[in-house]
Amino acid sequence: KKKFVGKSGKAPRGKVQHGKRKFKKDSGPP
């Protein structure tokens, strides 16, 4: 699939490349 790149050469905000999504750690008690 073609990646959409803006004029600045950066990926659009809110989208992360496949395989590079970050998950938040659970802040609750262990």
mmCIF file of all heavy atoms, coordinates in Angstrom:
data_MODEL
# 
_entry.id   MODEL 
# 
loop_
_atom_site.group_PDB 
_atom_site.id 
_atom_site.type_symbol 
_atom_site.label_atom_id 
_atom_site.label_alt_id 
_atom_site.label_comp_id 
_atom_site.label_asym_id 
_atom_site.label_entity_id 
_atom_site.label_seq_id 
_atom_site.pdbx_PDB_ins_code 
_atom_site.Cartn_x 
_atom_site.Cartn_y 
_atom_site.Cartn_z 
_atom_site.occupancy 
_atom_site.B_iso_or_equiv 
_atom_site.pdbx_formal_charge 
_atom_site.auth_seq_id 
_atom_site.auth_comp_id 
_atom_site.auth_asym_id 
_atom_site.auth_atom_id 
_atom_site.pdbx_PDB_model_num 
ATOM 1   N N   . LYS A 1 1  ? 0.845  -1.207 0.000  1.00 0.00 ? 1  LYS A N   1 
ATOM 2   C CA  . LYS A 1 1  ? 0.000  0.000  0.000  1.00 0.00 ? 1  LYS A CA  1 
ATOM 3   C C   . LYS A 1 1  ? 0.863  1.232  0.000  1.00 0.00 ? 1  LYS A C   1 
ATOM 4   O O   . LYS A 1 1  ? 1.880  1.287  0.664  1.00 0.00 ? 1  LYS A O   1 
ATOM 5   C CB  . LYS A 1 1  ? -0.929 0.000  1.224  1.00 0.00 ? 1  LYS A CB  1 
ATOM 6   C CG  . LYS A 1 1  ? -1.959 -1.105 1.173  1.00 0.00 ? 1  LYS A CG  1 
ATOM 7   C CD  . LYS A 1 1  ? -2.866 -0.999 2.380  1.00 0.00 ? 1  LYS A CD  1 
ATOM 8   C CE  . LYS A 1 1  ? -3.922 -2.097 2.360  1.00 0.00 ? 1  LYS A CE  1 
ATOM 9   N NZ  . LYS A 1 1  ? -4.796 -2.025 3.532  1.00 0.00 ? 1  LYS A NZ  1 
ATOM 10  N N   . LYS A 1 2  ? 0.406  2.216  -0.727 1.00 0.00 ? 2  LYS A N   1 
ATOM 11  C CA  . LYS A 1 2  ? 1.132  3.485  -0.787 1.00 0.00 ? 2  LYS A CA  1 
ATOM 12  C C   . LYS A 1 2  ? 0.912  4.261  0.499  1.00 0.00 ? 2  LYS A C   1 
ATOM 13  O O   . LYS A 1 2  ? -0.201 4.335  1.023  1.00 0.00 ? 2  LYS A O   1 
ATOM 14  C CB  . LYS A 1 2  ? 0.665  4.314  -1.975 1.00 0.00 ? 2  LYS A CB  1 
ATOM 15  C CG  . LYS A 1 2  ? 1.082  3.720  -3.308 1.00 0.00 ? 2  LYS A CG  1 
ATOM 16  C CD  . LYS A 1 2  ? 0.632  4.647  -4.447 1.00 0.00 ? 2  LYS A CD  1 
ATOM 17  C CE  . LYS A 1 2  ? 1.063  4.061  -5.795 1.00 0.00 ? 2  LYS A CE  1 
ATOM 18  N NZ  . LYS A 1 2  ? 0.653  4.939  -6.927 1.00 0.00 ? 2  LYS A NZ  1 
ATOM 19  N N   . LYS A 1 3  ? 1.981  4.795  0.972  1.00 0.00 ? 3  LYS A N   1 
ATOM 20  C CA  . LYS A 1 3  ? 1.894  5.627  2.193  1.00 0.00 ? 3  LYS A CA  1 
ATOM 21  C C   . LYS A 1 3  ? 1.673  7.072  1.807  1.00 0.00 ? 3  LYS A C   1 
ATOM 22  O O   . LYS A 1 3  ? 2.339  7.581  0.918  1.00 0.00 ? 3  LYS A O   1 
ATOM 23  C CB  . LYS A 1 3  ? 3.174  5.512  3.007  1.00 0.00 ? 3  LYS A CB  1 
ATOM 24  C CG  . LYS A 1 3  ? 3.415  4.107  3.528  1.00 0.00 ? 3  LYS A CG  1 
ATOM 25  C CD  . LYS A 1 3  ? 4.713  4.060  4.277  1.00 0.00 ? 3  LYS A CD  1 
ATOM 26  C CE  . LYS A 1 3  ? 4.973  2.635  4.753  1.00 0.00 ? 3  LYS A CE  1 
ATOM 27  N NZ  . LYS A 1 3  ? 6.259  2.565  5.456  1.00 0.00 ? 3  LYS A NZ  1 
ATOM 28  N N   . PHE A 1 4  ? 0.711  7.724  2.483  1.00 0.00 ? 4  PHE A N   1 
ATOM 29  C CA  . PHE A 1 4  ? 0.451  9.139  2.214  1.00 0.00 ? 4  PHE A CA  1 
ATOM 30  C C   . PHE A 1 4  ? 1.403  9.982  3.035  1.00 0.00 ? 4  PHE A C   1 
ATOM 31  O O   . PHE A 1 4  ? 1.480  9.857  4.244  1.00 0.00 ? 4  PHE A O   1 
ATOM 32  C CB  . PHE A 1 4  ? -0.999 9.485  2.548  1.00 0.00 ? 4  PHE A CB  1 
ATOM 33  C CG  . PHE A 1 4  ? -1.321 10.929 2.330  1.00 0.00 ? 4  PHE A CG  1 
ATOM 34  C CD1 . PHE A 1 4  ? -1.561 11.400 1.041  1.00 0.00 ? 4  PHE A CD1 1 
ATOM 35  C CD2 . PHE A 1 4  ? -1.347 11.823 3.390  1.00 0.00 ? 4  PHE A CD2 1 
ATOM 36  C CE1 . PHE A 1 4  ? -1.857 12.719 0.847  1.00 0.00 ? 4  PHE A CE1 1 
ATOM 37  C CE2 . PHE A 1 4  ? -1.638 13.141 3.190  1.00 0.00 ? 4  PHE A CE2 1 
ATOM 38  C CZ  . PHE A 1 4  ? -1.889 13.606 1.920  1.00 0.00 ? 4  PHE A CZ  1 
ATOM 39  N N   . VAL A 1 5  ? 2.129  10.783 2.345  1.00 0.00 ? 5  VAL A N   1 
ATOM 40  C CA  . VAL A 1 5  ? 3.098  11.656 3.024  1.00 0.00 ? 5  VAL A CA  1 
ATOM 41  C C   . VAL A 1 5  ? 2.761  13.087 2.664  1.00 0.00 ? 5  VAL A C   1 
ATOM 42  O O   . VAL A 1 5  ? 2.492  13.395 1.492  1.00 0.00 ? 5  VAL A O   1 
ATOM 43  C CB  . VAL A 1 5  ? 4.544  11.330 2.597  1.00 0.00 ? 5  VAL A CB  1 
ATOM 44  C CG1 . VAL A 1 5  ? 5.535  12.222 3.321  1.00 0.00 ? 5  VAL A CG1 1 
ATOM 45  C CG2 . VAL A 1 5  ? 4.847  9.865  2.859  1.00 0.00 ? 5  VAL A CG2 1 
ATOM 46  N N   . GLY A 1 6  ? 2.768  13.942 3.648  1.00 0.00 ? 6  GLY A N   1 
ATOM 47  C CA  . GLY A 1 6  ? 2.456  15.361 3.415  1.00 0.00 ? 6  GLY A CA  1 
ATOM 48  C C   . GLY A 1 6  ? 3.628  16.101 2.822  1.00 0.00 ? 6  GLY A C   1 
ATOM 49  O O   . GLY A 1 6  ? 4.649  15.522 2.476  1.00 0.00 ? 6  GLY A O   1 
ATOM 50  N N   . LYS A 1 7  ? 3.446  17.417 2.722  1.00 0.00 ? 7  LYS A N   1 
ATOM 51  C CA  . LYS A 1 7  ? 4.498  18.258 2.161  1.00 0.00 ? 7  LYS A CA  1 
ATOM 52  C C   . LYS A 1 7  ? 5.747  18.233 3.028  1.00 0.00 ? 7  LYS A C   1 
ATOM 53  O O   . LYS A 1 7  ? 6.866  18.318 2.558  1.00 0.00 ? 7  LYS A O   1 
ATOM 54  C CB  . LYS A 1 7  ? 4.006  19.693 2.020  1.00 0.00 ? 7  LYS A CB  1 
ATOM 55  C CG  . LYS A 1 7  ? 2.942  19.828 0.961  1.00 0.00 ? 7  LYS A CG  1 
ATOM 56  C CD  . LYS A 1 7  ? 2.505  21.282 0.878  1.00 0.00 ? 7  LYS A CD  1 
ATOM 57  C CE  . LYS A 1 7  ? 1.406  21.439 -0.186 1.00 0.00 ? 7  LYS A CE  1 
ATOM 58  N NZ  . LYS A 1 7  ? 0.978  22.841 -0.276 1.00 0.00 ? 7  LYS A NZ  1 
ATOM 59  N N   . SER A 1 8  ? 5.529  18.157 4.343  1.00 0.00 ? 8  SER A N   1 
ATOM 60  C CA  . SER A 1 8  ? 6.686  18.186 5.264  1.00 0.00 ? 8  SER A CA  1 
ATOM 61  C C   . SER A 1 8  ? 7.420  16.872 5.284  1.00 0.00 ? 8  SER A C   1 
ATOM 62  O O   . SER A 1 8  ? 8.477  16.743 5.875  1.00 0.00 ? 8  SER A O   1 
ATOM 63  C CB  . SER A 1 8  ? 6.241  18.529 6.684  1.00 0.00 ? 8  SER A CB  1 
ATOM 64  O OG  . SER A 1 8  ? 5.326  17.557 7.143  1.00 0.00 ? 8  SER A OG  1 
ATOM 65  N N   . GLY A 1 9  ? 6.843  15.853 4.675  1.00 0.00 ? 9  GLY A N   1 
ATOM 66  C CA  . GLY A 1 9  ? 7.490  14.542 4.646  1.00 0.00 ? 9  GLY A CA  1 
ATOM 67  C C   . GLY A 1 9  ? 7.174  13.681 5.840  1.00 0.00 ? 9  GLY A C   1 
ATOM 68  O O   . GLY A 1 9  ? 7.766  12.624 6.012  1.00 0.00 ? 9  GLY A O   1 
ATOM 69  N N   . LYS A 1 10 ? 6.250  14.090 6.678  1.00 0.00 ? 10 LYS A N   1 
ATOM 70  C CA  . LYS A 1 10 ? 5.888  13.340 7.886  1.00 0.00 ? 10 LYS A CA  1 
ATOM 71  C C   . LYS A 1 10 ? 4.557  12.656 7.681  1.00 0.00 ? 10 LYS A C   1 
ATOM 72  O O   . LYS A 1 10 ? 3.742  13.103 6.873  1.00 0.00 ? 10 LYS A O   1 
ATOM 73  C CB  . LYS A 1 10 ? 5.814  14.253 9.099  1.00 0.00 ? 10 LYS A CB  1 
ATOM 74  C CG  . LYS A 1 10 ? 7.171  14.827 9.477  1.00 0.00 ? 10 LYS A CG  1 
ATOM 75  C CD  . LYS A 1 10 ? 7.010  15.705 10.702 1.00 0.00 ? 10 LYS A CD  1 
ATOM 76  C CE  . LYS A 1 10 ? 8.351  16.278 11.104 1.00 0.00 ? 10 LYS A CE  1 
ATOM 77  N NZ  . LYS A 1 10 ? 8.224  17.151 12.290 1.00 0.00 ? 10 LYS A NZ  1 
ATOM 78  N N   . ALA A 1 11 ? 4.344  11.600 8.391  1.00 0.00 ? 11 ALA A N   1 
ATOM 79  C CA  . ALA A 1 11 ? 3.067  10.879 8.329  1.00 0.00 ? 11 ALA A CA  1 
ATOM 80  C C   . ALA A 1 11 ? 1.980  11.715 8.980  1.00 0.00 ? 11 ALA A C   1 
ATOM 81  O O   . ALA A 1 11 ? 2.260  12.540 9.842  1.00 0.00 ? 11 ALA A O   1 
ATOM 82  C CB  . ALA A 1 11 ? 3.219  9.536  9.033  1.00 0.00 ? 11 ALA A CB  1 
ATOM 83  N N   . PRO A 1 12 ? 0.717  11.508 8.593  1.00 0.00 ? 12 PRO A N   1 
ATOM 84  C CA  . PRO A 1 12 ? -0.371 12.300 9.202  1.00 0.00 ? 12 PRO A CA  1 
ATOM 85  C C   . PRO A 1 12 ? -0.516 12.014 10.693 1.00 0.00 ? 12 PRO A C   1 
ATOM 86  O O   . PRO A 1 12 ? -0.215 10.926 11.165 1.00 0.00 ? 12 PRO A O   1 
ATOM 87  C CB  . PRO A 1 12 ? -1.601 11.842 8.423  1.00 0.00 ? 12 PRO A CB  1 
ATOM 88  C CG  . PRO A 1 12 ? -1.250 10.500 7.893  1.00 0.00 ? 12 PRO A CG  1 
ATOM 89  C CD  . PRO A 1 12 ? 0.235  10.531 7.612  1.00 0.00 ? 12 PRO A CD  1 
ATOM 90  N N   . ARG A 1 13 ? -0.978 13.058 11.408 1.00 0.00 ? 13 ARG A N   1 
ATOM 91  C CA  . ARG A 1 13 ? -1.138 12.965 12.870 1.00 0.00 ? 13 ARG A CA  1 
ATOM 92  C C   . ARG A 1 13 ? -2.222 11.955 13.208 1.00 0.00 ? 13 ARG A C   1 
ATOM 93  O O   . ARG A 1 13 ? -3.271 11.936 12.560 1.00 0.00 ? 13 ARG A O   1 
ATOM 94  C CB  . ARG A 1 13 ? -1.503 14.332 13.438 1.00 0.00 ? 13 ARG A CB  1 
ATOM 95  C CG  . ARG A 1 13 ? -1.493 14.371 14.965 1.00 0.00 ? 13 ARG A CG  1 
ATOM 96  C CD  . ARG A 1 13 ? -1.809 15.759 15.449 1.00 0.00 ? 13 ARG A CD  1 
ATOM 97  N NE  . ARG A 1 13 ? -0.746 16.680 15.068 1.00 0.00 ? 13 ARG A NE  1 
ATOM 98  C CZ  . ARG A 1 13 ? -0.795 17.986 15.285 1.00 0.00 ? 13 ARG A CZ  1 
ATOM 99  N NH1 . ARG A 1 13 ? -1.874 18.518 15.845 1.00 0.00 ? 13 ARG A NH1 1 
ATOM 100 N NH2 . ARG A 1 13 ? 0.212  18.771 14.937 1.00 0.00 ? 13 ARG A NH2 1 
ATOM 101 N N   . GLY A 1 14 ? -1.994 11.196 14.237 1.00 0.00 ? 14 GLY A N   1 
ATOM 102 C CA  . GLY A 1 14 ? -2.976 10.221 14.694 1.00 0.00 ? 14 GLY A CA  1 
ATOM 103 C C   . GLY A 1 14 ? -2.795 8.858  14.093 1.00 0.00 ? 14 GLY A C   1 
ATOM 104 O O   . GLY A 1 14 ? -3.420 7.886  14.518 1.00 0.00 ? 14 GLY A O   1 
ATOM 105 N N   . LYS A 1 15 ? -1.976 8.724  13.113 1.00 0.00 ? 15 LYS A N   1 
ATOM 106 C CA  . LYS A 1 15 ? -1.743 7.426  12.496 1.00 0.00 ? 15 LYS A CA  1 
ATOM 107 C C   . LYS A 1 15 ? -0.301 7.007  12.750 1.00 0.00 ? 15 LYS A C   1 
ATOM 108 O O   . LYS A 1 15 ? 0.610  7.798  12.612 1.00 0.00 ? 15 LYS A O   1 
ATOM 109 C CB  . LYS A 1 15 ? -2.011 7.481  11.012 1.00 0.00 ? 15 LYS A CB  1 
ATOM 110 C CG  . LYS A 1 15 ? -3.483 7.691  10.689 1.00 0.00 ? 15 LYS A CG  1 
ATOM 111 C CD  . LYS A 1 15 ? -3.725 7.617  9.200  1.00 0.00 ? 15 LYS A CD  1 
ATOM 112 C CE  . LYS A 1 15 ? -5.208 7.775  8.894  1.00 0.00 ? 15 LYS A CE  1 
ATOM 113 N NZ  . LYS A 1 15 ? -5.463 7.695  7.440  1.00 0.00 ? 15 LYS A NZ  1 
ATOM 114 N N   . VAL A 1 16 ? -0.151 5.774  13.090 1.00 0.00 ? 16 VAL A N   1 
ATOM 115 C CA  . VAL A 1 16 ? 1.172  5.227  13.368 1.00 0.00 ? 16 VAL A CA  1 
ATOM 116 C C   . VAL A 1 16 ? 1.429  4.096  12.402 1.00 0.00 ? 16 VAL A C   1 
ATOM 117 O O   . VAL A 1 16 ? 0.511  3.362  12.008 1.00 0.00 ? 16 VAL A O   1 
ATOM 118 C CB  . VAL A 1 16 ? 1.267  4.709  14.818 1.00 0.00 ? 16 VAL A CB  1 
ATOM 119 C CG1 . VAL A 1 16 ? 2.691  4.254  15.135 1.00 0.00 ? 16 VAL A CG1 1 
ATOM 120 C CG2 . VAL A 1 16 ? 0.833  5.795  15.783 1.00 0.00 ? 16 VAL A CG2 1 
ATOM 121 N N   . GLN A 1 17 ? 2.631  3.957  12.056 1.00 0.00 ? 17 GLN A N   1 
ATOM 122 C CA  . GLN A 1 17 ? 2.983  2.899  11.120 1.00 0.00 ? 17 GLN A CA  1 
ATOM 123 C C   . GLN A 1 17 ? 2.689  1.530  11.707 1.00 0.00 ? 17 GLN A C   1 
ATOM 124 O O   . GLN A 1 17 ? 2.749  1.336  12.919 1.00 0.00 ? 17 GLN A O   1 
ATOM 125 C CB  . GLN A 1 17 ? 4.461  3.007  10.758 1.00 0.00 ? 17 GLN A CB  1 
ATOM 126 C CG  . GLN A 1 17 ? 4.792  4.267  9.989  1.00 0.00 ? 17 GLN A CG  1 
ATOM 127 C CD  . GLN A 1 17 ? 6.253  4.358  9.685  1.00 0.00 ? 17 GLN A CD  1 
ATOM 128 O OE1 . GLN A 1 17 ? 7.013  3.405  9.923  1.00 0.00 ? 17 GLN A OE1 1 
ATOM 129 N NE2 . GLN A 1 17 ? 6.674  5.471  9.099  1.00 0.00 ? 17 GLN A NE2 1 
ATOM 130 N N   . HIS A 1 18 ? 2.365  0.594  10.829 1.00 0.00 ? 18 HIS A N   1 
ATOM 131 C CA  . HIS A 1 18 ? 2.022  -0.763 11.248 1.00 0.00 ? 18 HIS A CA  1 
ATOM 132 C C   . HIS A 1 18 ? 3.214  -1.420 11.953 1.00 0.00 ? 18 HIS A C   1 
ATOM 133 O O   . HIS A 1 18 ? 4.328  -1.360 11.464 1.00 0.00 ? 18 HIS A O   1 
ATOM 134 C CB  . HIS A 1 18 ? 1.611  -1.600 10.008 1.00 0.00 ? 18 HIS A CB  1 
ATOM 135 C CG  . HIS A 1 18 ? 1.208  -2.986 10.391 1.00 0.00 ? 18 HIS A CG  1 
ATOM 136 N ND1 . HIS A 1 18 ? 0.058  -3.249 11.088 1.00 0.00 ? 18 HIS A ND1 1 
ATOM 137 C CD2 . HIS A 1 18 ? 1.813  -4.191 10.178 1.00 0.00 ? 18 HIS A CD2 1 
ATOM 138 C CE1 . HIS A 1 18 ? -0.058 -4.533 11.289 1.00 0.00 ? 18 HIS A CE1 1 
ATOM 139 N NE2 . HIS A 1 18 ? 1.012  -5.161 10.736 1.00 0.00 ? 18 HIS A NE2 1 
ATOM 140 N N   . GLY A 1 19 ? 2.938  -2.007 13.069 1.00 0.00 ? 19 GLY A N   1 
ATOM 141 C CA  . GLY A 1 19 ? 3.989  -2.659 13.841 1.00 0.00 ? 19 GLY A CA  1 
ATOM 142 C C   . GLY A 1 19 ? 4.710  -1.752 14.805 1.00 0.00 ? 19 GLY A C   1 
ATOM 143 O O   . GLY A 1 19 ? 5.566  -2.196 15.544 1.00 0.00 ? 19 GLY A O   1 
ATOM 144 N N   . LYS A 1 20 ? 4.393  -0.473 14.797 1.00 0.00 ? 20 LYS A N   1 
ATOM 145 C CA  . LYS A 1 20 ? 5.057  0.483  15.694 1.00 0.00 ? 20 LYS A CA  1 
ATOM 146 C C   . LYS A 1 20 ? 4.078  1.165  16.652 1.00 0.00 ? 20 LYS A C   1 
ATOM 147 O O   . LYS A 1 20 ? 4.327  2.211  17.183 1.00 0.00 ? 20 LYS A O   1 
ATOM 148 C CB  . LYS A 1 20 ? 5.760  1.557  14.878 1.00 0.00 ? 20 LYS A CB  1 
ATOM 149 C CG  . LYS A 1 20 ? 6.921  1.006  14.079 1.00 0.00 ? 20 LYS A CG  1 
ATOM 150 C CD  . LYS A 1 20 ? 7.642  2.123  13.379 1.00 0.00 ? 20 LYS A CD  1 
ATOM 151 C CE  . LYS A 1 20 ? 8.824  1.582  12.586 1.00 0.00 ? 20 LYS A CE  1 
ATOM 152 N NZ  . LYS A 1 20 ? 9.561  2.698  11.929 1.00 0.00 ? 20 LYS A NZ  1 
ATOM 153 N N   . ARG A 1 21 ? 2.855  0.614  16.845 1.00 0.00 ? 21 ARG A N   1 
ATOM 154 C CA  . ARG A 1 21 ? 1.877  1.199  17.775 1.00 0.00 ? 21 ARG A CA  1 
ATOM 155 C C   . ARG A 1 21 ? 2.321  0.992  19.223 1.00 0.00 ? 21 ARG A C   1 
ATOM 156 O O   . ARG A 1 21 ? 2.749  -0.098 19.584 1.00 0.00 ? 21 ARG A O   1 
ATOM 157 C CB  . ARG A 1 21 ? 0.504  0.578  17.554 1.00 0.00 ? 21 ARG A CB  1 
ATOM 158 C CG  . ARG A 1 21 ? -0.613 1.239  18.358 1.00 0.00 ? 21 ARG A CG  1 
ATOM 159 C CD  . ARG A 1 21 ? -1.943 0.589  18.057 1.00 0.00 ? 21 ARG A CD  1 
ATOM 160 N NE  . ARG A 1 21 ? -2.346 0.827  16.675 1.00 0.00 ? 21 ARG A NE  1 
ATOM 161 C CZ  . ARG A 1 21 ? -2.947 1.933  16.264 1.00 0.00 ? 21 ARG A CZ  1 
ATOM 162 N NH1 . ARG A 1 21 ? -3.208 2.884  17.122 1.00 0.00 ? 21 ARG A NH1 1 
ATOM 163 N NH2 . ARG A 1 21 ? -3.275 2.071  15.014 1.00 0.00 ? 21 ARG A NH2 1 
ATOM 164 N N   . LYS A 1 22 ? 2.199  2.049  20.004 1.00 0.00 ? 22 LYS A N   1 
ATOM 165 C CA  . LYS A 1 22 ? 2.606  1.993  21.421 1.00 0.00 ? 22 LYS A CA  1 
ATOM 166 C C   . LYS A 1 22 ? 1.392  1.766  22.291 1.00 0.00 ? 22 LYS A C   1 
ATOM 167 O O   . LYS A 1 22 ? 0.339  2.352  22.048 1.00 0.00 ? 22 LYS A O   1 
ATOM 168 C CB  . LYS A 1 22 ? 3.290  3.302  21.841 1.00 0.00 ? 22 LYS A CB  1 
ATOM 169 C CG  . LYS A 1 22 ? 4.612  3.517  21.117 1.00 0.00 ? 22 LYS A CG  1 
ATOM 170 C CD  . LYS A 1 22 ? 5.228  4.809  21.563 1.00 0.00 ? 22 LYS A CD  1 
ATOM 171 C CE  . LYS A 1 22 ? 6.554  5.050  20.841 1.00 0.00 ? 22 LYS A CE  1 
ATOM 172 N NZ  . LYS A 1 22 ? 7.173  6.322  21.265 1.00 0.00 ? 22 LYS A NZ  1 
ATOM 173 N N   . PHE A 1 23 ? 1.571  0.938  23.327 1.00 0.00 ? 23 PHE A N   1 
ATOM 174 C CA  . PHE A 1 23 ? 0.481  0.657  24.266 1.00 0.00 ? 23 PHE A CA  1 
ATOM 175 C C   . PHE A 1 23 ? 0.817  1.286  25.628 1.00 0.00 ? 23 PHE A C   1 
ATOM 176 O O   . PHE A 1 23 ? 1.961  1.186  26.081 1.00 0.00 ? 23 PHE A O   1 
ATOM 177 C CB  . PHE A 1 23 ? 0.287  -0.855 24.427 1.00 0.00 ? 23 PHE A CB  1 
ATOM 178 C CG  . PHE A 1 23 ? -0.156 -1.520 23.153 1.00 0.00 ? 23 PHE A CG  1 
ATOM 179 C CD1 . PHE A 1 23 ? 0.761  -2.113 22.298 1.00 0.00 ? 23 PHE A CD1 1 
ATOM 180 C CD2 . PHE A 1 23 ? -1.501 -1.536 22.805 1.00 0.00 ? 23 PHE A CD2 1 
ATOM 181 C CE1 . PHE A 1 23 ? 0.340  -2.721 21.128 1.00 0.00 ? 23 PHE A CE1 1 
ATOM 182 C CE2 . PHE A 1 23 ? -1.924 -2.145 21.634 1.00 0.00 ? 23 PHE A CE2 1 
ATOM 183 C CZ  . PHE A 1 23 ? -1.002 -2.736 20.787 1.00 0.00 ? 23 PHE A CZ  1 
ATOM 184 N N   . LYS A 1 24 ? -0.195 1.910  26.230 1.00 0.00 ? 24 LYS A N   1 
ATOM 185 C CA  . LYS A 1 24 ? -0.005 2.507  27.564 1.00 0.00 ? 24 LYS A CA  1 
ATOM 186 C C   . LYS A 1 24 ? -0.017 1.432  28.619 1.00 0.00 ? 24 LYS A C   1 
ATOM 187 O O   . LYS A 1 24 ? -0.810 0.494  28.557 1.00 0.00 ? 24 LYS A O   1 
ATOM 188 C CB  . LYS A 1 24 ? -1.106 3.531  27.883 1.00 0.00 ? 24 LYS A CB  1 
ATOM 189 C CG  . LYS A 1 24 ? -1.029 4.764  27.012 1.00 0.00 ? 24 LYS A CG  1 
ATOM 190 C CD  . LYS A 1 24 ? -2.111 5.751  27.412 1.00 0.00 ? 24 LYS A CD  1 
ATOM 191 C CE  . LYS A 1 24 ? -2.045 6.992  26.540 1.00 0.00 ? 24 LYS A CE  1 
ATOM 192 N NZ  . LYS A 1 24 ? -3.102 7.957  26.916 1.00 0.00 ? 24 LYS A NZ  1 
ATOM 193 N N   . LYS A 1 25 ? 0.857  1.622  29.617 1.00 0.00 ? 25 LYS A N   1 
ATOM 194 C CA  . LYS A 1 25 ? 0.894  0.679  30.729 1.00 0.00 ? 25 LYS A CA  1 
ATOM 195 C C   . LYS A 1 25 ? -0.274 0.916  31.672 1.00 0.00 ? 25 LYS A C   1 
ATOM 196 O O   . LYS A 1 25 ? -0.714 2.049  31.844 1.00 0.00 ? 25 LYS A O   1 
ATOM 197 C CB  . LYS A 1 25 ? 2.210  0.830  31.494 1.00 0.00 ? 25 LYS A CB  1 
ATOM 198 C CG  . LYS A 1 25 ? 3.409  0.394  30.685 1.00 0.00 ? 25 LYS A CG  1 
ATOM 199 C CD  . LYS A 1 25 ? 4.664  0.508  31.519 1.00 0.00 ? 25 LYS A CD  1 
ATOM 200 C CE  . LYS A 1 25 ? 5.873  0.064  30.714 1.00 0.00 ? 25 LYS A CE  1 
ATOM 201 N NZ  . LYS A 1 25 ? 7.110  0.183  31.517 1.00 0.00 ? 25 LYS A NZ  1 
ATOM 202 N N   . ASP A 1 26 ? -0.723 -0.142 32.290 1.00 0.00 ? 26 ASP A N   1 
ATOM 203 C CA  . ASP A 1 26 ? -1.821 -0.016 33.248 1.00 0.00 ? 26 ASP A CA  1 
ATOM 204 C C   . ASP A 1 26 ? -1.316 0.690  34.514 1.00 0.00 ? 26 ASP A C   1 
ATOM 205 O O   . ASP A 1 26 ? -0.339 0.246  35.121 1.00 0.00 ? 26 ASP A O   1 
ATOM 206 C CB  . ASP A 1 26 ? -2.348 -1.410 33.594 1.00 0.00 ? 26 ASP A CB  1 
ATOM 207 C CG  . ASP A 1 26 ? -3.620 -1.349 34.402 1.00 0.00 ? 26 ASP A CG  1 
ATOM 208 O OD1 . ASP A 1 26 ? -4.130 -0.223 34.562 1.00 0.00 ? 26 ASP A OD1 1 
ATOM 209 O OD2 . ASP A 1 26 ? -4.087 -2.408 34.864 1.00 0.00 ? 26 ASP A OD2 1 
ATOM 210 N N   . SER A 1 27 ? -2.004 1.814  34.850 1.00 0.00 ? 27 SER A N   1 
ATOM 211 C CA  . SER A 1 27 ? -1.577 2.615  36.018 1.00 0.00 ? 27 SER A CA  1 
ATOM 212 C C   . SER A 1 27 ? -2.143 2.120  37.331 1.00 0.00 ? 27 SER A C   1 
ATOM 213 O O   . SER A 1 27 ? -1.877 2.692  38.372 1.00 0.00 ? 27 SER A O   1 
ATOM 214 C CB  . SER A 1 27 ? -1.982 4.087  35.822 1.00 0.00 ? 27 SER A CB  1 
ATOM 215 O OG  . SER A 1 27 ? -3.381 4.157  35.687 1.00 0.00 ? 27 SER A OG  1 
ATOM 216 N N   . GLY A 1 28 ? -2.989 1.088  37.294 1.00 0.00 ? 28 GLY A N   1 
ATOM 217 C CA  . GLY A 1 28 ? -3.622 0.585  38.526 1.00 0.00 ? 28 GLY A CA  1 
ATOM 218 C C   . GLY A 1 28 ? -2.655 -0.154 39.400 1.00 0.00 ? 28 GLY A C   1 
ATOM 219 O O   . GLY A 1 28 ? -1.492 -0.370 39.033 1.00 0.00 ? 28 GLY A O   1 
ATOM 220 N N   . PRO A 1 29 ? -3.105 -0.565 40.602 1.00 0.00 ? 29 PRO A N   1 
ATOM 221 C CA  . PRO A 1 29 ? -2.225 -1.283 41.525 1.00 0.00 ? 29 PRO A CA  1 
ATOM 222 C C   . PRO A 1 29 ? -1.848 -2.640 40.978 1.00 0.00 ? 29 PRO A C   1 
ATOM 223 O O   . PRO A 1 29 ? -2.604 -3.251 40.216 1.00 0.00 ? 29 PRO A O   1 
ATOM 224 C CB  . PRO A 1 29 ? -3.068 -1.413 42.789 1.00 0.00 ? 29 PRO A CB  1 
ATOM 225 C CG  . PRO A 1 29 ? -4.464 -1.336 42.311 1.00 0.00 ? 29 PRO A CG  1 
ATOM 226 C CD  . PRO A 1 29 ? -4.454 -0.440 41.110 1.00 0.00 ? 29 PRO A CD  1 
ATOM 227 N N   . PRO A 1 30 ? -0.678 -3.102 41.344 1.00 0.00 ? 30 PRO A N   1 
ATOM 228 C CA  . PRO A 1 30 ? -0.252 -4.422 40.839 1.00 0.00 ? 30 PRO A CA  1 
ATOM 229 C C   . PRO A 1 30 ? -1.119 -5.536 41.379 1.00 0.00 ? 30 PRO A C   1 
ATOM 230 O O   . PRO A 1 30 ? -1.586 -5.467 42.516 1.00 0.00 ? 30 PRO A O   1 
ATOM 231 C CB  . PRO A 1 30 ? 1.186  -4.544 41.376 1.00 0.00 ? 30 PRO A CB  1 
ATOM 232 C CG  . PRO A 1 30 ? 1.233  -3.648 42.544 1.00 0.00 ? 30 PRO A CG  1 
ATOM 233 C CD  . PRO A 1 30 ? 0.298  -2.525 42.232 1.00 0.00 ? 30 PRO A CD  1 
# 
